[in-house]
C-alpha atoms as a PDB file:
ATOM      1  CA  UNK A   1      26.639  -4.408  18.582  1.00  0.00           C
ATOM      2  CA  UNK A   2      26.576  -0.597  18.872  1.00  0.00           C
ATOM      3  CA  UNK A   3      23.682   1.305  17.489  1.00  0.00           C
ATOM      4  CA  UNK A   4      24.232   3.581  14.508  1.00  0.00           C
ATOM      5  CA  UNK A   5      22.430   6.620  13.164  1.00  0.00           C
ATOM      6  CA  UNK A   6      19.573   6.226  10.685  1.00  0.00           C
ATOM      7  CA  UNK A   7      20.752   7.244   7.068  1.00  0.00           C
ATOM      8  CA  UNK A   8      17.773   7.635   4.859  1.00  0.00           C
ATOM      9  CA  UNK A   9      19.877   8.254   1.769  1.00  0.00           C
ATOM     10  CA  UNK A  10      21.479   4.836   1.943  1.00  0.00           C
ATOM     11  CA  UNK A  11      18.047   3.269   2.621  1.00  0.00           C
ATOM     12  CA  UNK A  12      16.615   4.889  -0.482  1.00  0.00           C
ATOM     13  CA  UNK A  13      19.607   3.909  -2.614  1.00  0.00           C
ATOM     14  CA  UNK A  14      19.230   0.314  -1.507  1.00  0.00           C
ATOM     15  CA  UNK A  15      15.456   0.215  -2.193  1.00  0.00           C
ATOM     16  CA  UNK A  16      15.866   1.770  -5.674  1.00  0.00           C
ATOM     17  CA  UNK A  17      18.694  -0.562  -6.660  1.00  0.00           C
ATOM     18  CA  UNK A  18      16.814  -3.645  -5.262  1.00  0.00           C
ATOM     19  CA  UNK A  19      13.784  -2.551  -7.279  1.00  0.00           C
ATOM     20  CA  UNK A  20      15.902  -2.137 -10.458  1.00  0.00           C
ATOM     21  CA  UNK A  21      17.408  -5.528  -9.929  1.00  0.00           C
ATOM     22  CA  UNK A  22      13.986  -7.136  -9.468  1.00  0.00           C
ATOM     23  CA  UNK A  23      12.702  -5.457 -12.595  1.00  0.00           C
ATOM     24  CA  UNK A  24      15.746  -6.709 -14.581  1.00  0.00           C
ATOM     25  CA  UNK A  25      15.283 -10.231 -13.077  1.00  0.00           C
ATOM     26  CA  UNK A  26      11.590 -10.234 -14.090  1.00  0.00           C
ATOM     27  CA  UNK A  27      12.615  -9.113 -17.600  1.00  0.00           C
ATOM     28  CA  UNK A  28      15.384 -11.837 -17.874  1.00  0.00           C
ATOM     29  CA  UNK A  29      12.975 -14.578 -16.706  1.00  0.00           C
ATOM     30  CA  UNK A  30      10.335 -13.559 -19.282  1.00  0.00           C
ATOM     31  CA  UNK A  31       7.724 -12.534 -16.617  1.00  0.00           C
ATOM     32  CA  UNK A  32       7.674  -8.979 -17.868  1.00  0.00           C
ATOM     33  CA  UNK A  33       8.699  -7.079 -20.956  1.00  0.00           C
ATOM     34  CA  UNK A  34      10.563  -4.066 -19.850  1.00  0.00           C
ATOM     35  CA  UNK A  35      12.664  -2.019 -22.256  1.00  0.00           C
ATOM     36  CA  UNK A  36      16.323  -1.779 -21.274  1.00  0.00           C
ATOM     37  CA  UNK A  37      16.311   1.972 -21.336  1.00  0.00           C
ATOM     38  CA  UNK A  38      13.795   2.102 -18.479  1.00  0.00           C
ATOM     39  CA  UNK A  39      15.941   0.364 -15.876  1.00  0.00           C
ATOM     40  CA  UNK A  40      19.108   2.568 -16.355  1.00  0.00           C
ATOM     41  CA  UNK A  41      17.327   5.986 -15.800  1.00  0.00           C
ATOM     42  CA  UNK A  42      15.469   4.462 -12.883  1.00  0.00           C
ATOM     43  CA  UNK A  43      18.743   3.434 -11.213  1.00  0.00           C
ATOM     44  CA  UNK A  44      20.551   6.664 -11.995  1.00  0.00           C
ATOM     45  CA  UNK A  45      17.577   8.807 -10.934  1.00  0.00           C
ATOM     46  CA  UNK A  46      17.231   6.858  -7.667  1.00  0.00           C
ATOM     47  CA  UNK A  47      20.936   7.291  -6.907  1.00  0.00           C
ATOM     48  CA  UNK A  48      20.694  11.015  -7.607  1.00  0.00           C
ATOM     49  CA  UNK A  49      17.673  11.327  -5.360  1.00  0.00           C
ATOM     50  CA  UNK A  50      19.306   9.341  -2.642  1.00  0.00           C
ATOM     51  CA  UNK A  51      22.387  11.582  -2.717  1.00  0.00           C
ATOM     52  CA  UNK A  52      20.168  14.615  -2.399  1.00  0.00           C
ATOM     53  CA  UNK A  53      18.424  13.048   0.599  1.00  0.00           C
ATOM     54  CA  UNK A  54      21.830  12.257   2.125  1.00  0.00           C
ATOM     55  CA  UNK A  55      23.024  15.825   1.580  1.00  0.00           C
ATOM     56  CA  UNK A  56      19.885  17.248   3.199  1.00  0.00           C
ATOM     57  CA  UNK A  57      20.151  14.822   6.118  1.00  0.00           C
ATOM     58  CA  UNK A  58      23.775  15.855   6.657  1.00  0.00           C
ATOM     59  CA  UNK A  59      22.873  19.532   6.588  1.00  0.00           C
ATOM     60  CA  UNK A  60      20.062  19.071   9.125  1.00  0.00           C
ATOM     61  CA  UNK A  61      22.239  17.071  11.509  1.00  0.00           C
ATOM     62  CA  UNK A  62      25.121  19.548  11.214  1.00  0.00           C
ATOM     63  CA  UNK A  63      22.793  22.478  11.944  1.00  0.00           C
ATOM     64  CA  UNK A  64      21.277  20.677  14.890  1.00  0.00           C
ATOM     65  CA  UNK A  65      24.829  19.869  16.195  1.00  0.00           C
ATOM     66  CA  UNK A  66      25.955  23.388  15.804  1.00  0.00           C
ATOM     67  CA  UNK A  67      22.913  24.811  17.656  1.00  0.00           C
ATOM     68  CA  UNK A  68      23.524  22.343  20.568  1.00  0.00           C
ATOM     69  CA  UNK A  69      27.214  23.352  20.732  1.00  0.00           C
ATOM     70  CA  UNK A  70      26.285  27.107  20.632  1.00  0.00           C
ATOM     71  CA  UNK A  71      23.783  26.717  23.405  1.00  0.00           C
ATOM     72  CA  UNK A  72      26.230  24.859  25.672  1.00  0.00           C
ATOM     73  CA  UNK A  73      28.969  27.423  25.168  1.00  0.00           C
ATOM     74  CA  UNK A  74      26.840  30.182  26.586  1.00  0.00           C
END
């Protein structure tokens, strides 16, 4: 299988949604008493944070790629 580049935004989104799912599961099983309005902002905030991380990662990689192509053109 070919290797792929590390994408921290997707990793963060997965961790946040997994955590929200575990919190919801604990609440549904009666192990924890979590208000419903806590899980939704946690999931939405995590997705916003992961999109920000993804955009920053893209910008850094694009800048690095542009610098490499400029140095090879000279």
